[in-house]
PDB file of N, CA and C in Angstrom:
ATOM      1  N   MET A   1       0.835  -1.177   0.000  1.00  0.00           N
ATOM      2  CA  MET A   1       0.000   0.000   0.000  1.00  0.00           C
ATOM      3  C   MET A   1       0.879   1.239   0.000  1.00  0.00           C
ATOM      4  N   SER A   2       0.321   2.293  -0.500  1.00  0.00           N
ATOM      5  CA  SER A   2       1.063   3.527  -0.643  1.00  0.00           C
ATOM      6  C   SER A   2       0.712   4.514   0.461  1.00  0.00           C
ATOM      7  N   GLY A   3       1.684   5.285   0.862  1.00  0.00           N
ATOM      8  CA  GLY A   3       1.440   6.351   1.826  1.00  0.00           C
ATOM      9  C   GLY A   3       0.962   7.622   1.140  1.00  0.00           C
ATOM     10  N   ASP A   4       0.944   7.628  -0.201  1.00  0.00           N
ATOM     11  CA  ASP A   4       0.528   8.805  -0.961  1.00  0.00           C
ATOM     12  C   ASP A   4      -0.990   8.850  -1.023  1.00  0.00           C
ATOM     13  N   ARG A   5      -1.565   9.766  -0.300  1.00  0.00           N
ATOM     14  CA  ARG A   5      -3.022   9.882  -0.257  1.00  0.00           C
ATOM     15  C   ARG A   5      -3.495  11.160  -0.939  1.00  0.00           C
ATOM     16  N   CYS A   6      -2.722  11.635  -1.892  1.00  0.00           N
ATOM     17  CA  CYS A   6      -3.051  12.888  -2.571  1.00  0.00           C
ATOM     18  C   CYS A   6      -4.426  12.822  -3.234  1.00  0.00           C
ATOM     19  N   LEU A   7      -4.728  11.732  -3.907  1.00  0.00           N
ATOM     20  CA  LEU A   7      -6.007  11.615  -4.610  1.00  0.00           C
ATOM     21  C   LEU A   7      -7.184  11.631  -3.639  1.00  0.00           C
ATOM     22  N   THR A   8      -7.121  10.812  -2.585  1.00  0.00           N
ATOM     23  CA  THR A   8      -8.249  10.769  -1.645  1.00  0.00           C
ATOM     24  C   THR A   8      -8.384  12.086  -0.890  1.00  0.00           C
ATOM     25  N   GLN A   9      -7.265  12.751  -0.592  1.00  0.00           N
ATOM     26  CA  GLN A   9      -7.344  14.051   0.069  1.00  0.00           C
ATOM     27  C   GLN A   9      -7.955  15.098  -0.858  1.00  0.00           C
ATOM     28  N   CYS A  10      -7.604  15.045  -2.128  1.00  0.00           N
ATOM     29  CA  CYS A  10      -8.171  15.981  -3.102  1.00  0.00           C
ATOM     30  C   CYS A  10      -9.676  15.761  -3.249  1.00  0.00           C
ATOM     31  N   MET A  11     -10.099  14.506  -3.311  1.00  0.00           N
ATOM     32  CA  MET A  11     -11.532  14.209  -3.437  1.00  0.00           C
ATOM     33  C   MET A  11     -12.288  14.662  -2.188  1.00  0.00           C
ATOM     34  N   ALA A  12     -11.686  14.458  -1.008  1.00  0.00           N
ATOM     35  CA  ALA A  12     -12.331  14.911   0.231  1.00  0.00           C
ATOM     36  C   ALA A  12     -12.442  16.432   0.239  1.00  0.00           C
ATOM     37  N   HIS A  13     -11.403  17.107  -0.213  1.00  0.00           N
ATOM     38  CA  HIS A  13     -11.431  18.568  -0.267  1.00  0.00           C
ATOM     39  C   HIS A  13     -12.531  19.044  -1.219  1.00  0.00           C
ATOM     40  N   CYS A  14     -12.631  18.421  -2.391  1.00  0.00           N
ATOM     41  CA  CYS A  14     -13.677  18.789  -3.358  1.00  0.00           C
ATOM     42  C   CYS A  14     -15.068  18.591  -2.753  1.00  0.00           C
ATOM     43  N   ALA A  15     -15.264  17.485  -2.050  1.00  0.00           N
ATOM     44  CA  ALA A  15     -16.558  17.225  -1.425  1.00  0.00           C
ATOM     45  C   ALA A  15     -16.840  18.252  -0.323  1.00  0.00           C
ATOM     46  N   HIS A  16     -15.800  18.621   0.432  1.00  0.00           N
ATOM     47  CA  HIS A  16     -15.974  19.581   1.520  1.00  0.00           C
ATOM     48  C   HIS A  16     -16.354  20.955   0.974  1.00  0.00           C
ATOM     49  N   GLU A  17     -15.784  21.353  -0.145  1.00  0.00           N
ATOM     50  CA  GLU A  17     -16.021  22.684  -0.699  1.00  0.00           C
ATOM     51  C   GLU A  17     -17.304  22.792  -1.518  1.00  0.00           C
ATOM     52  N   ARG A  18     -17.850  21.675  -1.938  1.00  0.00           N
ATOM     53  CA  ARG A  18     -19.045  21.681  -2.808  1.00  0.00           C
ATOM     54  C   ARG A  18     -20.269  22.173  -2.036  1.00  0.00           C
ATOM     55  N   THR A  19     -21.054  23.018  -2.684  1.00  0.00           N
ATOM     56  CA  THR A  19     -22.273  23.524  -2.060  1.00  0.00           C
ATOM     57  C   THR A  19     -23.490  23.151  -2.896  1.00  0.00           C
ATOM     58  N   ALA A  20     -24.621  23.085  -2.219  1.00  0.00           N
ATOM     59  CA  ALA A  20     -25.895  22.825  -2.883  1.00  0.00           C
ATOM     60  C   ALA A  20     -26.389  24.133  -3.501  1.00  0.00           C
ATOM     61  N   ASP A  21     -27.480  24.068  -4.238  1.00  0.00           N
ATOM     62  CA  ASP A  21     -28.067  25.268  -4.845  1.00  0.00           C
ATOM     63  C   ASP A  21     -28.445  26.314  -3.803  1.00  0.00           C
ATOM     64  N   THR A  22     -28.669  25.872  -2.584  1.00  0.00           N
ATOM     65  CA  THR A  22     -29.048  26.785  -1.496  1.00  0.00           C
ATOM     66  C   THR A  22     -27.844  27.528  -0.921  1.00  0.00           C
ATOM     67  N   GLY A  23     -26.642  27.120  -1.314  1.00  0.00           N
ATOM     68  CA  GLY A  23     -25.426  27.717  -0.773  1.00  0.00           C
ATOM     69  C   GLY A  23     -24.889  26.992   0.449  1.00  0.00           C
ATOM     70  N   ARG A  24     -25.669  26.058   0.957  1.00  0.00           N
ATOM     71  CA  ARG A  24     -25.230  25.266   2.113  1.00  0.00           C
ATOM     72  C   ARG A  24     -24.302  24.144   1.640  1.00  0.00           C
ATOM     73  N   PRO A  25     -23.477  23.596   2.540  1.00  0.00           N
ATOM     74  CA  PRO A  25     -22.606  22.480   2.157  1.00  0.00           C
ATOM     75  C   PRO A  25     -23.412  21.320   1.569  1.00  0.00           C
ATOM     76  N   ALA A  26     -22.890  20.720   0.521  1.00  0.00           N
ATOM     77  CA  ALA A  26     -23.595  19.628  -0.156  1.00  0.00           C
ATOM     78  C   ALA A  26     -23.366  18.279   0.530  1.00  0.00           C
ATOM     79  N   PHE A  27     -22.244  18.128   1.212  1.00  0.00           N
ATOM     80  CA  PHE A  27     -21.899  16.834   1.802  1.00  0.00           C
ATOM     81  C   PHE A  27     -21.460  16.984   3.246  1.00  0.00           C
ATOM     82  N   ALA A  28     -21.719  15.966   4.049  1.00  0.00           N
ATOM     83  CA  ALA A  28     -21.255  15.928   5.437  1.00  0.00           C
ATOM     84  C   ALA A  28     -20.099  14.950   5.587  1.00  0.00           C
ATOM     85  N   GLY A  29     -19.727  14.286   4.507  1.00  0.00           N
ATOM     86  CA  GLY A  29     -18.634  13.330   4.557  1.00  0.00           C
ATOM     87  C   GLY A  29     -18.505  12.582   3.263  1.00  0.00           C
ATOM     88  N   ARG A  30     -17.629  11.582   3.284  1.00  0.00           N
ATOM     89  CA  ARG A  30     -17.346  10.822   2.072  1.00  0.00           C
ATOM     90  C   ARG A  30     -16.826   9.442   2.450  1.00  0.00           C
ATOM     91  N   ARG A  31     -17.161   8.454   1.650  1.00  0.00           N
ATOM     92  CA  ARG A  31     -16.683   7.082   1.862  1.00  0.00           C
ATOM     93  C   ARG A  31     -15.800   6.701   0.681  1.00  0.00           C
ATOM     94  N   ASN A  32     -14.582   6.280   0.971  1.00  0.00           N
ATOM     95  CA  ASN A  32     -13.662   5.805  -0.065  1.00  0.00           C
ATOM     96  C   ASN A  32     -13.483   4.302   0.109  1.00  0.00           C
ATOM     97  N   VAL A  33     -13.861   3.541  -0.885  1.00  0.00           N
ATOM     98  CA  VAL A  33     -13.643   2.098  -0.818  1.00  0.00           C
ATOM     99  C   VAL A  33     -12.211   1.798  -1.239  1.00  0.00           C
ATOM    100  N   SER A  34     -11.732   0.638  -0.857  1.00  0.00           N
ATOM    101  CA  SER A  34     -10.354   0.256  -1.141  1.00  0.00           C
ATOM    102  C   SER A  34     -10.306  -0.993  -1.997  1.00  0.00           C
ATOM    103  N   ARG A  35      -9.340  -1.037  -2.864  1.00  0.00           N
ATOM    104  CA  ARG A  35      -9.146  -2.253  -3.673  1.00  0.00           C
ATOM    105  C   ARG A  35      -8.640  -3.404  -2.806  1.00  0.00           C
ATOM    106  N   HIS A  36      -8.255  -3.095  -1.563  1.00  0.00           N
ATOM    107  CA  HIS A  36      -7.754  -4.103  -0.632  1.00  0.00           C
ATOM    108  C   HIS A  36      -8.853  -4.713   0.227  1.00  0.00           C
ATOM    109  N   GLY A  37     -10.095  -4.330  -0.006  1.00  0.00           N
ATOM    110  CA  GLY A  37     -11.214  -4.906   0.727  1.00  0.00           C
ATOM    111  C   GLY A  37     -11.835  -3.946   1.721  1.00  0.00           C
ATOM    112  N   ALA A  38     -12.970  -4.365   2.262  1.00  0.00           N
ATOM    113  CA  ALA A  38     -13.770  -3.514   3.147  1.00  0.00           C
ATOM    114  C   ALA A  38     -13.024  -3.116   4.423  1.00  0.00           C
ATOM    115  N   ALA A  39     -12.089  -3.931   4.862  1.00  0.00           N
ATOM    116  CA  ALA A  39     -11.345  -3.614   6.086  1.00  0.00           C
ATOM    117  C   ALA A  39     -10.480  -2.366   5.921  1.00  0.00           C
ATOM    118  N   TRP A  40     -10.228  -1.958   4.684  1.00  0.00           N
ATOM    119  CA  TRP A  40      -9.372  -0.804   4.412  1.00  0.00           C
ATOM    120  C   TRP A  40     -10.152   0.400   3.896  1.00  0.00           C
ATOM    121  N   GLU A  41     -11.467   0.408   4.063  1.00  0.00           N
ATOM    122  CA  GLU A  41     -12.254   1.565   3.647  1.00  0.00           C
ATOM    123  C   GLU A  41     -11.855   2.785   4.455  1.00  0.00           C
ATOM    124  N   CYS A  42     -12.021   3.942   3.868  1.00  0.00           N
ATOM    125  CA  CYS A  42     -11.714   5.190   4.552  1.00  0.00           C
ATOM    126  C   CYS A  42     -12.960   6.068   4.536  1.00  0.00           C
ATOM    127  N   TRP A  43     -13.408   6.467   5.706  1.00  0.00           N
ATOM    128  CA  TRP A  43     -14.560   7.359   5.827  1.00  0.00           C
ATOM    129  C   TRP A  43     -14.060   8.730   6.228  1.00  0.00           C
ATOM    130  N   VAL A  44     -14.516   9.741   5.531  1.00  0.00           N
ATOM    131  CA  VAL A  44     -14.189  11.123   5.858  1.00  0.00           C
ATOM    132  C   VAL A  44     -15.473  11.776   6.344  1.00  0.00           C
ATOM    133  N   LEU A  45     -15.482  12.213   7.586  1.00  0.00           N
ATOM    134  CA  LEU A  45     -16.644  12.901   8.151  1.00  0.00           C
ATOM    135  C   LEU A  45     -16.240  14.334   8.475  1.00  0.00           C
ATOM    136  N   PHE A  46     -17.006  15.281   7.967  1.00  0.00           N
ATOM    137  CA  PHE A  46     -16.727  16.686   8.237  1.00  0.00           C
ATOM    138  C   PHE A  46     -17.418  17.054   9.536  1.00  0.00           C
ATOM    139  N   ALA A  47     -16.672  17.010  10.625  1.00  0.00           N
ATOM    140  CA  ALA A  47     -17.223  17.163  11.964  1.00  0.00           C
ATOM    141  C   ALA A  47     -18.011  18.456  12.138  1.00  0.00           C
ATOM    142  N   ASP A  48     -17.595  19.513  11.453  1.00  0.00           N
ATOM    143  CA  ASP A  48     -18.299  20.785  11.603  1.00  0.00           C
ATOM    144  C   ASP A  48     -19.710  20.741  11.026  1.00  0.00           C
ATOM    145  N   ARG A  49     -20.014  19.699  10.269  1.00  0.00           N
ATOM    146  CA  ARG A  49     -21.337  19.592   9.652  1.00  0.00           C
ATOM    147  C   ARG A  49     -22.226  18.553  10.322  1.00  0.00           C
ATOM    148  N   LEU A  50     -21.709  17.859  11.301  1.00  0.00           N
ATOM    149  CA  LEU A  50     -22.479  16.805  11.949  1.00  0.00           C
ATOM    150  C   LEU A  50     -23.020  17.215  13.315  1.00  0.00           C
ATOM    151  N   VAL A  51     -22.659  18.365  13.795  1.00  0.00           N
ATOM    152  CA  VAL A  51     -23.089  18.804  15.118  1.00  0.00           C
ATOM    153  C   VAL A  51     -24.604  18.900  15.162  1.00  0.00           C
ATOM    154  N   GLY A  52     -25.203  18.093  16.016  1.00  0.00           N
ATOM    155  CA  GLY A  52     -26.648  18.121  16.184  1.00  0.00           C
ATOM    156  C   GLY A  52     -27.444  17.597  15.003  1.00  0.00           C
ATOM    157  N   ALA A  53     -26.783  17.066  14.017  1.00  0.00           N
ATOM    158  CA  ALA A  53     -27.494  16.586  12.829  1.00  0.00           C
ATOM    159  C   ALA A  53     -27.859  15.120  12.987  1.00  0.00           C
ATOM    160  N   ARG A  54     -29.022  14.774  12.490  1.00  0.00           N
ATOM    161  CA  ARG A  54     -29.416  13.366  12.430  1.00  0.00           C
ATOM    162  C   ARG A  54     -29.411  12.978  10.964  1.00  0.00           C
ATOM    163  N   LEU A  55     -28.621  11.996  10.659  1.00  0.00           N
ATOM    164  CA  LEU A  55     -28.495  11.564   9.276  1.00  0.00           C
ATOM    165  C   LEU A  55     -29.387  10.361   9.028  1.00  0.00           C
ATOM    166  N   THR A  56     -30.072  10.373   7.924  1.00  0.00           N
ATOM    167  CA  THR A  56     -30.909   9.264   7.532  1.00  0.00           C
ATOM    168  C   THR A  56     -30.124   8.390   6.562  1.00  0.00           C
ATOM    169  N   VAL A  57     -30.062   7.127   6.863  1.00  0.00           N
ATOM    170  CA  VAL A  57     -29.376   6.184   5.986  1.00  0.00           C
ATOM    171  C   VAL A  57     -30.414   5.565   5.063  1.00  0.00           C
ATOM    172  N   ARG A  58     -30.123   5.579   3.784  1.00  0.00           N
ATOM    173  CA  ARG A  58     -31.037   4.999   2.809  1.00  0.00           C
ATOM    174  C   ARG A  58     -30.239   4.428   1.653  1.00  0.00           C
ATOM    175  N   PRO A  59     -30.780   3.434   0.968  1.00  0.00           N
ATOM    176  CA  PRO A  59     -30.096   2.900  -0.210  1.00  0.00           C
ATOM    177  C   PRO A  59     -30.021   3.972  -1.305  1.00  0.00           C
ATOM    178  N   VAL A  60     -28.978   3.908  -2.099  1.00  0.00           N
ATOM    179  CA  VAL A  60     -28.815   4.842  -3.206  1.00  0.00           C
ATOM    180  C   VAL A  60     -28.901   4.050  -4.504  1.00  0.00           C
ATOM    181  N   ARG A  61     -29.787   4.498  -5.371  1.00  0.00           N
ATOM    182  CA  ARG A  61     -29.931   3.830  -6.671  1.00  0.00           C
ATOM    183  C   ARG A  61     -28.744   4.186  -7.573  1.00  0.00           C
ATOM    184  N   ALA A  62     -28.389   3.288  -8.460  1.00  0.00           N
ATOM    185  CA  ALA A  62     -27.259   3.509  -9.362  1.00  0.00           C
ATOM    186  C   ALA A  62     -27.477   4.709 -10.274  1.00  0.00           C
ATOM    187  N   ASP A  63     -28.736   5.071 -10.537  1.00  0.00           N
ATOM    188  CA  ASP A  63     -29.000   6.215 -11.418  1.00  0.00           C
ATOM    189  C   ASP A  63     -29.292   7.504 -10.647  1.00  0.00           C
ATOM    190  N   ASP A  64     -28.991   7.528  -9.341  1.00  0.00           N
ATOM    191  CA  ASP A  64     -29.202   8.724  -8.525  1.00  0.00           C
ATOM    192  C   ASP A  64     -28.306   9.854  -9.045  1.00  0.00           C
ATOM    193  N   PRO A  65     -28.871  11.039  -9.334  1.00  0.00           N
ATOM    194  CA  PRO A  65     -28.071  12.143  -9.884  1.00  0.00           C
ATOM    195  C   PRO A  65     -26.901  12.549  -8.980  1.00  0.00           C
ATOM    196  N   GLY A  66     -27.091  12.519  -7.668  1.00  0.00           N
ATOM    197  CA  GLY A  66     -26.004  12.862  -6.751  1.00  0.00           C
ATOM    198  C   GLY A  66     -24.859  11.874  -6.830  1.00  0.00           C
ATOM    199  N   LEU A  67     -25.178  10.599  -6.948  1.00  0.00           N
ATOM    200  CA  LEU A  67     -24.153   9.575  -7.071  1.00  0.00           C
ATOM    201  C   LEU A  67     -23.397   9.734  -8.390  1.00  0.00           C
ATOM    202  N   ILE A  68     -24.133   9.966  -9.453  1.00  0.00           N
ATOM    203  CA  ILE A  68     -23.508  10.144 -10.765  1.00  0.00           C
ATOM    204  C   ILE A  68     -22.571  11.350 -10.744  1.00  0.00           C
ATOM    205  N   THR A  69     -23.011  12.446 -10.138  1.00  0.00           N
ATOM    206  CA  THR A  69     -22.169  13.636 -10.032  1.00  0.00           C
ATOM    207  C   THR A  69     -20.909  13.347  -9.236  1.00  0.00           C
ATOM    208  N   SER A  70     -21.048  12.635  -8.122  1.00  0.00           N
ATOM    209  CA  SER A  70     -19.901  12.307  -7.290  1.00  0.00           C
ATOM    210  C   SER A  70     -18.886  11.453  -8.044  1.00  0.00           C
ATOM    211  N   VAL A  71     -19.368  10.464  -8.761  1.00  0.00           N
ATOM    212  CA  VAL A  71     -18.474   9.596  -9.537  1.00  0.00           C
ATOM    213  C   VAL A  71     -17.768  10.414 -10.609  1.00  0.00           C
ATOM    214  N   PHE A  72     -18.494  11.317 -11.264  1.00  0.00           N
ATOM    215  CA  PHE A  72     -17.907  12.150 -12.304  1.00  0.00           C
ATOM    216  C   PHE A  72     -16.825  13.061 -11.721  1.00  0.00           C
ATOM    217  N   ILE A  73     -17.092  13.669 -10.562  1.00  0.00           N
ATOM    218  CA  ILE A  73     -16.101  14.537  -9.921  1.00  0.00           C
ATOM    219  C   ILE A  73     -14.865  13.732  -9.540  1.00  0.00           C
ATOM    220  N   ASP A  74     -15.071  12.528  -8.996  1.00  0.00           N
ATOM    221  CA  ASP A  74     -13.943  11.659  -8.651  1.00  0.00           C
ATOM    222  C   ASP A  74     -13.117  11.333  -9.887  1.00  0.00           C
ATOM    223  N   TYR A  75     -13.794  11.059 -10.996  1.00  0.00           N
ATOM    224  CA  TYR A  75     -13.098  10.742 -12.244  1.00  0.00           C
ATOM    225  C   TYR A  75     -12.261  11.939 -12.684  1.00  0.00           C
ATOM    226  N   LEU A  76     -12.857  13.138 -12.669  1.00  0.00           N
ATOM    227  CA  LEU A  76     -12.133  14.333 -13.086  1.00  0.00           C
ATOM    228  C   LEU A  76     -10.940  14.610 -12.164  1.00  0.00           C
ATOM    229  N   ALA A  77     -11.142  14.466 -10.859  1.00  0.00           N
ATOM    230  CA  ALA A  77     -10.049  14.704  -9.908  1.00  0.00           C
ATOM    231  C   ALA A  77      -8.902  13.750 -10.184  1.00  0.00           C
ATOM    232  N   GLY A  78      -9.214  12.492 -10.431  1.00  0.00           N
ATOM    233  CA  GLY A  78      -8.175  11.512 -10.750  1.00  0.00           C
ATOM    234  C   GLY A  78      -7.496  11.817 -12.056  1.00  0.00           C
ATOM    235  N   TYR A  79      -8.252  12.283 -13.038  1.00  0.00           N
ATOM    236  CA  TYR A  79      -7.695  12.600 -14.351  1.00  0.00           C
ATOM    237  C   TYR A  79      -6.753  13.792 -14.250  1.00  0.00           C
ATOM    238  N   VAL A  80      -7.160  14.824 -13.539  1.00  0.00           N
ATOM    239  CA  VAL A  80      -6.340  16.028 -13.400  1.00  0.00           C
ATOM    240  C   VAL A  80      -5.048  15.705 -12.662  1.00  0.00           C
ATOM    241  N   LEU A  81      -5.121  14.907 -11.587  1.00  0.00           N
ATOM    242  CA  LEU A  81      -3.933  14.589 -10.808  1.00  0.00           C
ATOM    243  C   LEU A  81      -2.979  13.692 -11.568  1.00  0.00           C
ATOM    244  N   CYS A  82      -3.476  12.925 -12.494  1.00  0.00           N
ATOM    245  CA  CYS A  82      -2.622  11.985 -13.226  1.00  0.00           C
ATOM    246  C   CYS A  82      -1.989  12.604 -14.480  1.00  0.00           C
ATOM    247  N   MET A  83      -2.392  13.801 -14.825  1.00  0.00           N
ATOM    248  CA  MET A  83      -1.852  14.425 -16.037  1.00  0.00           C
ATOM    249  C   MET A  83      -0.437  14.901 -15.834  1.00  0.00           C
TER     250      MET A  83
END
């Protein structure tokens, strides 16, 4: 495994800075899966956004616009860093 976490840090930063149409933060965190299995997953929680918040857990459909946007942003971040 690599100690270089530039890509995951960049994706977390992009998620942290993203805002919804209302101007409020779009995300309270991010989950990064690992090619090494579930034991190596990395969860990023933005603590400043979880204070007093109750999060609802629900399944996400593969065609969910938010999921598609997130995957696209991850792809672009990886593409830019690899150039």
